[in-house]
PDB file of all heavy atoms in Angstrom:
ATOM      1  N   ALA A   1       0.836  -1.211  -0.001  1.00  0.00           N
ATOM      2  CA  ALA A   1      -0.001  -0.002   0.001  1.00  0.00           C
ATOM      3  C   ALA A   1       0.851   1.269   0.007  1.00  0.00           C
ATOM      4  O   ALA A   1       0.577   2.233  -0.702  1.00  0.00           O
ATOM      5  CB  ALA A   1      -0.926   0.000   1.211  1.00  0.00           C
ATOM      6  N   ARG A   2       1.932   1.238   0.809  1.00  0.00           N
ATOM      7  CA  ARG A   2       2.865   2.385   0.854  1.00  0.00           C
ATOM      8  C   ARG A   2       3.440   2.633  -0.544  1.00  0.00           C
ATOM      9  O   ARG A   2       3.502   3.807  -0.985  1.00  0.00           O
ATOM     10  CB  ARG A   2       3.984   2.082   1.870  1.00  0.00           C
ATOM     11  CG  ARG A   2       4.907   3.259   2.062  1.00  0.00           C
ATOM     12  CD  ARG A   2       6.294   2.784   2.530  1.00  0.00           C
ATOM     13  NE  ARG A   2       6.195   1.909   3.711  1.00  0.00           N
ATOM     14  CZ  ARG A   2       6.258   2.362   4.988  1.00  0.00           C
ATOM     15  NH1 ARG A   2       6.414   3.628   5.211  1.00  0.00           N
ATOM     16  NH2 ARG A   2       6.180   1.497   5.977  1.00  0.00           N
ATOM     17  N   GLU A   3       3.856   1.571  -1.204  1.00  0.00           N
ATOM     18  CA  GLU A   3       4.443   1.730  -2.526  1.00  0.00           C
ATOM     19  C   GLU A   3       3.446   2.309  -3.525  1.00  0.00           C
ATOM     20  O   GLU A   3       3.812   3.162  -4.378  1.00  0.00           O
ATOM     21  CB  GLU A   3       4.970   0.365  -3.051  1.00  0.00           C
ATOM     22  CG  GLU A   3       5.706   0.425  -4.344  1.00  0.00           C
ATOM     23  CD  GLU A   3       7.000   1.239  -4.269  1.00  0.00           C
ATOM     24  OE1 GLU A   3       7.584   1.323  -3.151  1.00  0.00           O
ATOM     25  OE2 GLU A   3       7.407   1.778  -5.310  1.00  0.00           O
ATOM     26  N   ARG A   4       2.202   1.876  -3.401  1.00  0.00           N
ATOM     27  CA  ARG A   4       1.173   2.401  -4.308  1.00  0.00           C
ATOM     28  C   ARG A   4       1.003   3.908  -4.090  1.00  0.00           C
ATOM     29  O   ARG A   4       0.870   4.661  -5.062  1.00  0.00           O
ATOM     30  CB  ARG A   4      -0.144   1.667  -4.084  1.00  0.00           C
ATOM     31  CG  ARG A   4      -1.282   2.220  -4.931  1.00  0.00           C
ATOM     32  CD  ARG A   4      -2.605   1.514  -4.650  1.00  0.00           C
ATOM     33  NE  ARG A   4      -2.616   0.130  -5.102  1.00  0.00           N
ATOM     34  CZ  ARG A   4      -3.701  -0.611  -5.094  1.00  0.00           C
ATOM     35  NH1 ARG A   4      -4.894  -0.124  -4.648  1.00  0.00           N
ATOM     36  NH2 ARG A   4      -3.671  -1.867  -5.527  1.00  0.00           N
ATOM     37  N   ILE A   5       0.946   4.293  -2.853  1.00  0.00           N
ATOM     38  CA  ILE A   5       0.733   5.737  -2.539  1.00  0.00           C
ATOM     39  C   ILE A   5       1.919   6.585  -3.026  1.00  0.00           C
ATOM     40  O   ILE A   5       1.764   7.628  -3.630  1.00  0.00           O
ATOM     41  CB  ILE A   5       0.536   5.919  -1.017  1.00  0.00           C
ATOM     42  CG1 ILE A   5      -0.770   5.270  -0.584  1.00  0.00           C
ATOM     43  CG2 ILE A   5       0.523   7.411  -0.675  1.00  0.00           C
ATOM     44  CD1 ILE A   5      -2.014   5.851  -1.258  1.00  0.00           C
ATOM     45  N   LEU A   6       3.125   6.109  -2.729  1.00  0.00           N
ATOM     46  CA  LEU A   6       4.323   6.876  -3.140  1.00  0.00           C
ATOM     47  C   LEU A   6       4.438   6.965  -4.652  1.00  0.00           C
ATOM     48  O   LEU A   6       4.820   7.999  -5.196  1.00  0.00           O
ATOM     49  CB  LEU A   6       5.587   6.226  -2.568  1.00  0.00           C
ATOM     50  CG  LEU A   6       5.710   6.285  -1.046  1.00  0.00           C
ATOM     51  CD1 LEU A   6       6.974   5.538  -0.588  1.00  0.00           C
ATOM     52  CD2 LEU A   6       5.743   7.716  -0.543  1.00  0.00           C
ATOM     53  N   THR A   7       4.074   5.893  -5.360  1.00  0.00           N
ATOM     54  CA  THR A   7       4.095   5.913  -6.821  1.00  0.00           C
ATOM     55  C   THR A   7       3.075   6.919  -7.348  1.00  0.00           C
ATOM     56  O   THR A   7       3.331   7.688  -8.256  1.00  0.00           O
ATOM     57  CB  THR A   7       3.787   4.522  -7.404  1.00  0.00           C
ATOM     58  OG1 THR A   7       4.781   3.602  -6.967  1.00  0.00           O
ATOM     59  CG2 THR A   7       3.745   4.560  -8.916  1.00  0.00           C
ATOM     60  N   HIS A   8       1.911   6.935  -6.722  1.00  0.00           N
ATOM     61  CA  HIS A   8       0.863   7.871  -7.124  1.00  0.00           C
ATOM     62  C   HIS A   8       1.301   9.307  -6.900  1.00  0.00           C
ATOM     63  O   HIS A   8       1.117  10.174  -7.757  1.00  0.00           O
ATOM     64  CB  HIS A   8      -0.407   7.601  -6.318  1.00  0.00           C
ATOM     65  CG  HIS A   8      -1.490   8.589  -6.577  1.00  0.00           C
ATOM     66  ND1 HIS A   8      -2.221   8.621  -7.756  1.00  0.00           N
ATOM     67  CD2 HIS A   8      -1.944   9.606  -5.790  1.00  0.00           C
ATOM     68  CE1 HIS A   8      -3.094   9.614  -7.672  1.00  0.00           C
ATOM     69  NE2 HIS A   8      -2.945  10.227  -6.517  1.00  0.00           N
ATOM     70  N   ARG A   9       1.917   9.566  -5.758  1.00  0.00           N
ATOM     71  CA  ARG A   9       2.388  10.912  -5.471  1.00  0.00           C
ATOM     72  C   ARG A   9       3.455  11.382  -6.442  1.00  0.00           C
ATOM     73  O   ARG A   9       3.495  12.526  -6.880  1.00  0.00           O
ATOM     74  CB  ARG A   9       2.896  11.027  -4.030  1.00  0.00           C
ATOM     75  CG  ARG A   9       1.774  10.848  -3.010  1.00  0.00           C
ATOM     76  CD  ARG A   9       2.304  11.062  -1.599  1.00  0.00           C
ATOM     77  NE  ARG A   9       1.192  10.899  -0.619  1.00  0.00           N
ATOM     78  CZ  ARG A   9       1.380  11.034   0.679  1.00  0.00           C
ATOM     79  NH1 ARG A   9       2.572  11.284   1.199  1.00  0.00           N
ATOM     80  NH2 ARG A   9       0.316  10.901   1.502  1.00  0.00           N
ATOM     81  N   ALA A  10       4.361  10.469  -6.794  1.00  0.00           N
ATOM     82  CA  ALA A  10       5.406  10.781  -7.773  1.00  0.00           C
ATOM     83  C   ALA A  10       4.772  11.156  -9.125  1.00  0.00           C
ATOM     84  O   ALA A  10       5.199  12.099  -9.797  1.00  0.00           O
ATOM     85  CB  ALA A  10       6.356   9.647  -7.926  1.00  0.00           C
ATOM     86  N   GLU A  11       3.721  10.426  -9.492  1.00  0.00           N
ATOM     87  CA  GLU A  11       3.041  10.703 -10.744  1.00  0.00           C
ATOM     88  C   GLU A  11       2.308  12.044 -10.694  1.00  0.00           C
ATOM     89  O   GLU A  11       2.337  12.791 -11.691  1.00  0.00           O
ATOM     90  CB  GLU A  11       2.012   9.586 -11.041  1.00  0.00           C
ATOM     91  CG  GLU A  11       1.310   9.745 -12.365  1.00  0.00           C
ATOM     92  CD  GLU A  11       2.236   9.710 -13.558  1.00  0.00           C
ATOM     93  OE1 GLU A  11       3.316   9.092 -13.479  1.00  0.00           O
ATOM     94  OE2 GLU A  11       1.873  10.306 -14.613  1.00  0.00           O
ATOM     95  N   VAL A  12       1.740  12.367  -9.554  1.00  0.00           N
ATOM     96  CA  VAL A  12       1.077  13.652  -9.402  1.00  0.00           C
ATOM     97  C   VAL A  12       2.073  14.781  -9.555  1.00  0.00           C
ATOM     98  O   VAL A  12       1.803  15.806 -10.205  1.00  0.00           O
ATOM     99  CB  VAL A  12       0.343  13.724  -8.024  1.00  0.00           C
ATOM    100  CG1 VAL A  12      -0.107  15.156  -7.758  1.00  0.00           C
ATOM    101  CG2 VAL A  12      -0.844  12.807  -8.007  1.00  0.00           C
ATOM    102  N   ARG A  13       3.222  14.647  -8.934  1.00  0.00           N
ATOM    103  CA  ARG A  13       4.274  15.658  -9.028  1.00  0.00           C
ATOM    104  C   ARG A  13       4.734  15.817 -10.474  1.00  0.00           C
ATOM    105  O   ARG A  13       5.016  16.903 -10.950  1.00  0.00           O
ATOM    106  CB  ARG A  13       5.423  15.353  -8.089  1.00  0.00           C
ATOM    107  CG  ARG A  13       5.110  15.527  -6.640  1.00  0.00           C
ATOM    108  CD  ARG A  13       6.388  15.572  -5.793  1.00  0.00           C
ATOM    109  NE  ARG A  13       6.045  15.889  -4.422  1.00  0.00           N
ATOM    110  CZ  ARG A  13       5.747  15.002  -3.476  1.00  0.00           C
ATOM    111  NH1 ARG A  13       5.721  13.729  -3.784  1.00  0.00           N
ATOM    112  NH2 ARG A  13       5.457  15.368  -2.260  1.00  0.00           N
ATOM    113  N   LYS A  14       4.880  14.690 -11.164  1.00  0.00           N
ATOM    114  CA  LYS A  14       5.319  14.730 -12.547  1.00  0.00           C
ATOM    115  C   LYS A  14       4.306  15.477 -13.397  1.00  0.00           C
ATOM    116  O   LYS A  14       4.623  16.328 -14.218  1.00  0.00           O
ATOM    117  CB  LYS A  14       5.487  13.315 -13.081  1.00  0.00           C
ATOM    118  CG  LYS A  14       5.945  13.241 -14.525  1.00  0.00           C
ATOM    119  CD  LYS A  14       6.066  11.775 -14.947  1.00  0.00           C
ATOM    120  CE  LYS A  14       6.509  11.671 -16.415  1.00  0.00           C
ATOM    121  NZ  LYS A  14       6.636  10.269 -16.864  1.00  0.00           N
ATOM    122  N   GLN A  15       3.015  15.145 -13.171  1.00  0.00           N
ATOM    123  CA  GLN A  15       1.956  15.873 -13.937  1.00  0.00           C
ATOM    124  C   GLN A  15       1.950  17.349 -13.573  1.00  0.00           C
ATOM    125  O   GLN A  15       1.726  18.196 -14.437  1.00  0.00           O
ATOM    126  CB  GLN A  15       0.608  15.238 -13.609  1.00  0.00           C
ATOM    127  CG  GLN A  15       0.430  13.813 -14.158  1.00  0.00           C
ATOM    128  CD  GLN A  15      -0.933  13.261 -13.850  1.00  0.00           C
ATOM    129  OE1 GLN A  15      -1.909  13.999 -13.685  1.00  0.00           O
ATOM    130  NE2 GLN A  15      -1.021  11.951 -13.731  1.00  0.00           N
ATOM    131  N   SER A  16       2.168  17.648 -12.309  1.00  0.00           N
ATOM    132  CA  SER A  16       2.175  19.051 -11.863  1.00  0.00           C
ATOM    133  C   SER A  16       3.283  19.816 -12.576  1.00  0.00           C
ATOM    134  O   SER A  16       3.119  20.960 -13.008  1.00  0.00           O
ATOM    135  CB  SER A  16       2.343  19.137 -10.346  1.00  0.00           C
ATOM    136  OG  SER A  16       2.418  20.462  -9.915  1.00  0.00           O
ATOM    137  N   ALA A  17       4.472  19.154 -12.684  1.00  0.00           N
ATOM    138  CA  ALA A  17       5.612  19.813 -13.368  1.00  0.00           C
ATOM    139  C   ALA A  17       5.289  20.016 -14.846  1.00  0.00           C
ATOM    140  O   ALA A  17       5.635  21.087 -15.380  1.00  0.00           O
ATOM    141  CB  ALA A  17       6.851  18.963 -13.208  1.00  0.00           C
ATOM    142  N   ILE A  18       4.655  19.026 -15.464  1.00  0.00           N
ATOM    143  CA  ILE A  18       4.299  19.177 -16.879  1.00  0.00           C
ATOM    144  C   ILE A  18       3.314  20.330 -17.079  1.00  0.00           C
ATOM    145  O   ILE A  18       3.447  21.144 -17.972  1.00  0.00           O
ATOM    146  CB  ILE A  18       3.718  17.862 -17.390  1.00  0.00           C
ATOM    147  CG1 ILE A  18       4.791  16.759 -17.437  1.00  0.00           C
ATOM    148  CG2 ILE A  18       3.098  18.040 -18.794  1.00  0.00           C
ATOM    149  CD1 ILE A  18       4.270  15.416 -17.796  1.00  0.00           C
ATOM    150  N   VAL A  19       2.310  20.380 -16.195  1.00  0.00           N
ATOM    151  CA  VAL A  19       1.313  21.426 -16.284  1.00  0.00           C
ATOM    152  C   VAL A  19       1.966  22.799 -16.092  1.00  0.00           C
ATOM    153  O   VAL A  19       1.656  23.761 -16.802  1.00  0.00           O
ATOM    154  CB  VAL A  19       0.196  21.205 -15.261  1.00  0.00           C
ATOM    155  CG1 VAL A  19      -0.739  22.435 -15.205  1.00  0.00           C
ATOM    156  CG2 VAL A  19      -0.628  19.964 -15.613  1.00  0.00           C
ATOM    157  N   SER A  20       2.891  22.899 -15.144  1.00  0.00           N
ATOM    158  CA  SER A  20       3.575  24.183 -14.896  1.00  0.00           C
ATOM    159  C   SER A  20       4.388  24.579 -16.123  1.00  0.00           C
ATOM    160  O   SER A  20       4.388  25.771 -16.494  1.00  0.00           O
ATOM    161  CB  SER A  20       4.502  24.023 -13.681  1.00  0.00           C
ATOM    162  OG  SER A  20       3.759  23.801 -12.485  1.00  0.00           O
ATOM    163  N   ASP A  21       5.077  23.600 -16.752  1.00  0.00           N
ATOM    164  CA  ASP A  21       5.863  23.916 -17.940  1.00  0.00           C
ATOM    165  C   ASP A  21       4.956  24.382 -19.113  1.00  0.00           C
ATOM    166  O   ASP A  21       5.277  25.325 -19.803  1.00  0.00           O
ATOM    167  CB  ASP A  21       6.664  22.684 -18.378  1.00  0.00           C
ATOM    168  CG  ASP A  21       7.831  22.387 -17.435  1.00  0.00           C
ATOM    169  OD1 ASP A  21       8.168  23.276 -16.627  1.00  0.00           O
ATOM    170  OD2 ASP A  21       8.342  21.263 -17.469  1.00  0.00           O
ATOM    171  N   LEU A  22       3.818  23.684 -19.243  1.00  0.00           N
ATOM    172  CA  LEU A  22       2.907  24.070 -20.274  1.00  0.00           C
ATOM    173  C   LEU A  22       2.317  25.442 -20.048  1.00  0.00           C
ATOM    174  O   LEU A  22       2.141  26.242 -20.989  1.00  0.00           O
ATOM    175  CB  LEU A  22       1.765  23.025 -20.410  1.00  0.00           C
ATOM    176  CG  LEU A  22       2.151  21.659 -20.986  1.00  0.00           C
ATOM    177  CD1 LEU A  22       0.996  20.684 -20.904  1.00  0.00           C
ATOM    178  CD2 LEU A  22       2.639  21.782 -22.430  1.00  0.00           C
ATOM    179  N   ARG A  23       2.018  25.739 -18.796  1.00  0.00           N
ATOM    180  CA  ARG A  23       1.460  27.034 -18.452  1.00  0.00           C
ATOM    181  C   ARG A  23       2.498  28.142 -18.716  1.00  0.00           C
ATOM    182  O   ARG A  23       2.141  29.195 -19.266  1.00  0.00           O
ATOM    183  CB  ARG A  23       1.038  27.090 -17.003  1.00  0.00           C
ATOM    184  CG  ARG A  23       0.405  28.398 -16.607  1.00  0.00           C
ATOM    185  CD  ARG A  23      -0.176  28.308 -15.201  1.00  0.00           C
ATOM    186  NE  ARG A  23       0.875  27.987 -14.243  1.00  0.00           N
ATOM    187  CZ  ARG A  23       0.642  27.687 -12.957  1.00  0.00           C
ATOM    188  NH1 ARG A  23      -0.618  27.720 -12.518  1.00  0.00           N
ATOM    189  NH2 ARG A  23       1.611  27.415 -12.134  1.00  0.00           N
ATOM    190  N   ALA A  24       3.759  27.891 -18.366  1.00  0.00           N
ATOM    191  CA  ALA A  24       4.774  28.859 -18.633  1.00  0.00           C
ATOM    192  C   ALA A  24       4.957  29.106 -20.115  1.00  0.00           C
ATOM    193  O   ALA A  24       5.106  30.238 -20.594  1.00  0.00           O
ATOM    194  CB  ALA A  24       6.123  28.398 -18.011  1.00  0.00           C
ATOM    195  N   PHE A  25       4.936  27.982 -20.884  1.00  0.00           N
ATOM    196  CA  PHE A  25       5.035  28.122 -22.348  1.00  0.00           C
ATOM    197  C   PHE A  25       3.884  28.894 -22.912  1.00  0.00           C
ATOM    198  O   PHE A  25       4.050  29.763 -23.785  1.00  0.00           O
ATOM    199  CB  PHE A  25       5.080  26.737 -22.967  1.00  0.00           C
ATOM    200  CG  PHE A  25       5.102  26.746 -24.452  1.00  0.00           C
ATOM    201  CD1 PHE A  25       6.301  26.974 -25.158  1.00  0.00           C
ATOM    202  CD2 PHE A  25       3.938  26.530 -25.191  1.00  0.00           C
ATOM    203  CE1 PHE A  25       6.307  27.015 -26.546  1.00  0.00           C
ATOM    204  CE2 PHE A  25       3.950  26.523 -26.565  1.00  0.00           C
ATOM    205  CZ  PHE A  25       5.130  26.772 -27.269  1.00  0.00           C
ATOM    206  N   LYS A  26       2.670  28.636 -22.397  1.00  0.00           N
ATOM    207  CA  LYS A  26       1.481  29.339 -22.888  1.00  0.00           C
ATOM    208  C   LYS A  26       1.566  30.819 -22.582  1.00  0.00           C
ATOM    209  O   LYS A  26       1.209  31.673 -23.398  1.00  0.00           O
ATOM    210  CB  LYS A  26       0.223  28.748 -22.284  1.00  0.00           C
ATOM    211  CG  LYS A  26      -1.058  29.387 -22.808  1.00  0.00           C
ATOM    212  CD  LYS A  26      -2.284  28.780 -22.174  1.00  0.00           C
ATOM    213  CE  LYS A  26      -3.572  29.384 -22.746  1.00  0.00           C
ATOM    214  NZ  LYS A  26      -3.645  30.835 -22.550  1.00  0.00           N
ATOM    215  N   GLU A  27       2.057  31.151 -21.383  1.00  0.00           N
ATOM    216  CA  GLU A  27       2.206  32.560 -21.009  1.00  0.00           C
ATOM    217  C   GLU A  27       3.144  33.279 -21.954  1.00  0.00           C
ATOM    218  O   GLU A  27       2.896  34.415 -22.387  1.00  0.00           O
ATOM    219  CB  GLU A  27       2.697  32.655 -19.571  1.00  0.00           C
ATOM    220  CG  GLU A  27       1.629  32.264 -18.543  1.00  0.00           C
ATOM    221  CD  GLU A  27       2.180  32.279 -17.127  1.00  0.00           C
ATOM    222  OE1 GLU A  27       3.392  32.458 -16.960  1.00  0.00           O
ATOM    223  OE2 GLU A  27       1.401  32.090 -16.169  1.00  0.00           O
ATOM    224  N   GLN A  28       4.287  32.604 -22.289  1.00  0.00           N
ATOM    225  CA  GLN A  28       5.208  33.204 -23.214  1.00  0.00           C
ATOM    226  C   GLN A  28       4.594  33.341 -24.606  1.00  0.00           C
ATOM    227  O   GLN A  28       4.766  34.374 -25.266  1.00  0.00           O
ATOM    228  CB  GLN A  28       6.490  32.355 -23.291  1.00  0.00           C
ATOM    229  CG  GLN A  28       7.310  32.340 -22.025  1.00  0.00           C
ATOM    230  CD  GLN A  28       7.829  33.707 -21.662  1.00  0.00           C
ATOM    231  OE1 GLN A  28       8.221  34.478 -22.529  1.00  0.00           O
ATOM    232  NE2 GLN A  28       7.837  34.003 -20.383  1.00  0.00           N
ATOM    233  N   ALA A  29       3.880  32.307 -25.027  1.00  0.00           N
ATOM    234  CA  ALA A  29       3.220  32.366 -26.340  1.00  0.00           C
ATOM    235  C   ALA A  29       2.178  33.477 -26.397  1.00  0.00           C
ATOM    236  O   ALA A  29       2.070  34.186 -27.375  1.00  0.00           O
ATOM    237  CB  ALA A  29       2.581  31.019 -26.674  1.00  0.00           C
ATOM    238  N   ASP A  30       1.436  33.631 -25.302  1.00  0.00           N
ATOM    239  CA  ASP A  30       0.446  34.695 -25.233  1.00  0.00           C
ATOM    240  C   ASP A  30       1.080  36.059 -25.313  1.00  0.00           C
ATOM    241  O   ASP A  30       0.556  36.996 -25.971  1.00  0.00           O
ATOM    242  CB  ASP A  30      -0.402  34.587 -23.949  1.00  0.00           C
ATOM    243  CG  ASP A  30      -1.352  33.398 -23.967  1.00  0.00           C
ATOM    244  OD1 ASP A  30      -1.592  32.842 -25.078  1.00  0.00           O
ATOM    245  OD2 ASP A  30      -1.833  33.014 -22.896  1.00  0.00           O
ATOM    246  N   LYS A  31       2.237  36.223 -24.609  1.00  0.00           N
ATOM    247  CA  LYS A  31       2.928  37.511 -24.641  1.00  0.00           C
ATOM    248  C   LYS A  31       3.366  37.861 -26.066  1.00  0.00           C
ATOM    249  O   LYS A  31       3.228  38.995 -26.532  1.00  0.00           O
ATOM    250  CB  LYS A  31       4.140  37.488 -23.727  1.00  0.00           C
ATOM    251  CG  LYS A  31       3.785  37.483 -22.248  1.00  0.00           C
ATOM    252  CD  LYS A  31       5.041  37.423 -21.376  1.00  0.00           C
ATOM    253  CE  LYS A  31       4.665  37.392 -19.904  1.00  0.00           C
ATOM    254  NZ  LYS A  31       5.856  37.330 -19.050  1.00  0.00           N
ATOM    255  N   VAL A  32       3.907  36.838 -26.785  1.00  0.00           N
ATOM    256  CA  VAL A  32       4.358  37.088 -28.134  1.00  0.00           C
ATOM    257  C   VAL A  32       3.159  37.385 -29.036  1.00  0.00           C
ATOM    258  O   VAL A  32       3.210  38.296 -29.878  1.00  0.00           O
ATOM    259  CB  VAL A  32       5.129  35.845 -28.680  1.00  0.00           C
ATOM    260  CG1 VAL A  32       5.445  36.034 -30.142  1.00  0.00           C
ATOM    261  CG2 VAL A  32       6.423  35.656 -27.886  1.00  0.00           C
ATOM    262  N   SER A  33       2.057  36.677 -28.838  1.00  0.00           N
ATOM    263  CA  SER A  33       0.852  36.913 -29.624  1.00  0.00           C
ATOM    264  C   SER A  33       0.343  38.323 -29.413  1.00  0.00           C
ATOM    265  O   SER A  33      -0.030  39.047 -30.342  1.00  0.00           O
ATOM    266  CB  SER A  33      -0.236  35.918 -29.287  1.00  0.00           C
ATOM    267  OG  SER A  33       0.170  34.606 -29.623  1.00  0.00           O
ATOM    268  N   GLU A  34       0.312  38.746 -28.120  1.00  0.00           N
ATOM    269  CA  GLU A  34      -0.131  40.106 -27.826  1.00  0.00           C
ATOM    270  C   GLU A  34       0.804  41.139 -28.439  1.00  0.00           C
ATOM    271  O   GLU A  34       0.365  42.177 -28.930  1.00  0.00           O
ATOM    272  CB  GLU A  34      -0.203  40.287 -26.307  1.00  0.00           C
ATOM    273  CG  GLU A  34      -1.301  39.461 -25.619  1.00  0.00           C
ATOM    274  CD  GLU A  34      -1.182  39.535 -24.129  1.00  0.00           C
ATOM    275  OE1 GLU A  34      -0.308  40.260 -23.620  1.00  0.00           O
ATOM    276  OE2 GLU A  34      -1.994  38.839 -23.457  1.00  0.00           O
ATOM    277  N   LEU A  35       2.097  40.824 -28.394  1.00  0.00           N
ATOM    278  CA  LEU A  35       3.084  41.711 -28.940  1.00  0.00           C
ATOM    279  C   LEU A  35       2.861  41.951 -30.454  1.00  0.00           C
ATOM    280  O   LEU A  35       2.807  43.076 -30.925  1.00  0.00           O
ATOM    281  CB  LEU A  35       4.480  41.176 -28.688  1.00  0.00           C
ATOM    282  CG  LEU A  35       5.659  41.998 -29.187  1.00  0.00           C
ATOM    283  CD1 LEU A  35       5.763  43.315 -28.416  1.00  0.00           C
ATOM    284  CD2 LEU A  35       6.957  41.194 -29.036  1.00  0.00           C
ATOM    285  N   LEU A  36       2.674  40.850 -31.151  1.00  0.00           N
ATOM    286  CA  LEU A  36       2.482  40.961 -32.577  1.00  0.00           C
ATOM    287  C   LEU A  36       1.123  41.571 -32.929  1.00  0.00           C
ATOM    288  O   LEU A  36       0.977  42.229 -33.941  1.00  0.00           O
ATOM    289  CB  LEU A  36       2.617  39.588 -33.244  1.00  0.00           C
ATOM    290  CG  LEU A  36       4.007  38.973 -33.202  1.00  0.00           C
ATOM    291  CD1 LEU A  36       3.995  37.563 -33.774  1.00  0.00           C
ATOM    292  CD2 LEU A  36       5.011  39.820 -33.971  1.00  0.00           C
TER     293      LEU A  36
END
């Protein structure tokens, strides 16, 4: 059970990092779009 929980938490953190990266990319893309 411990292993299942830790694996799940690691996956959540991985997804969180991906979402953060995508959000940062989108913010940059939006800035460029607004600029143009």
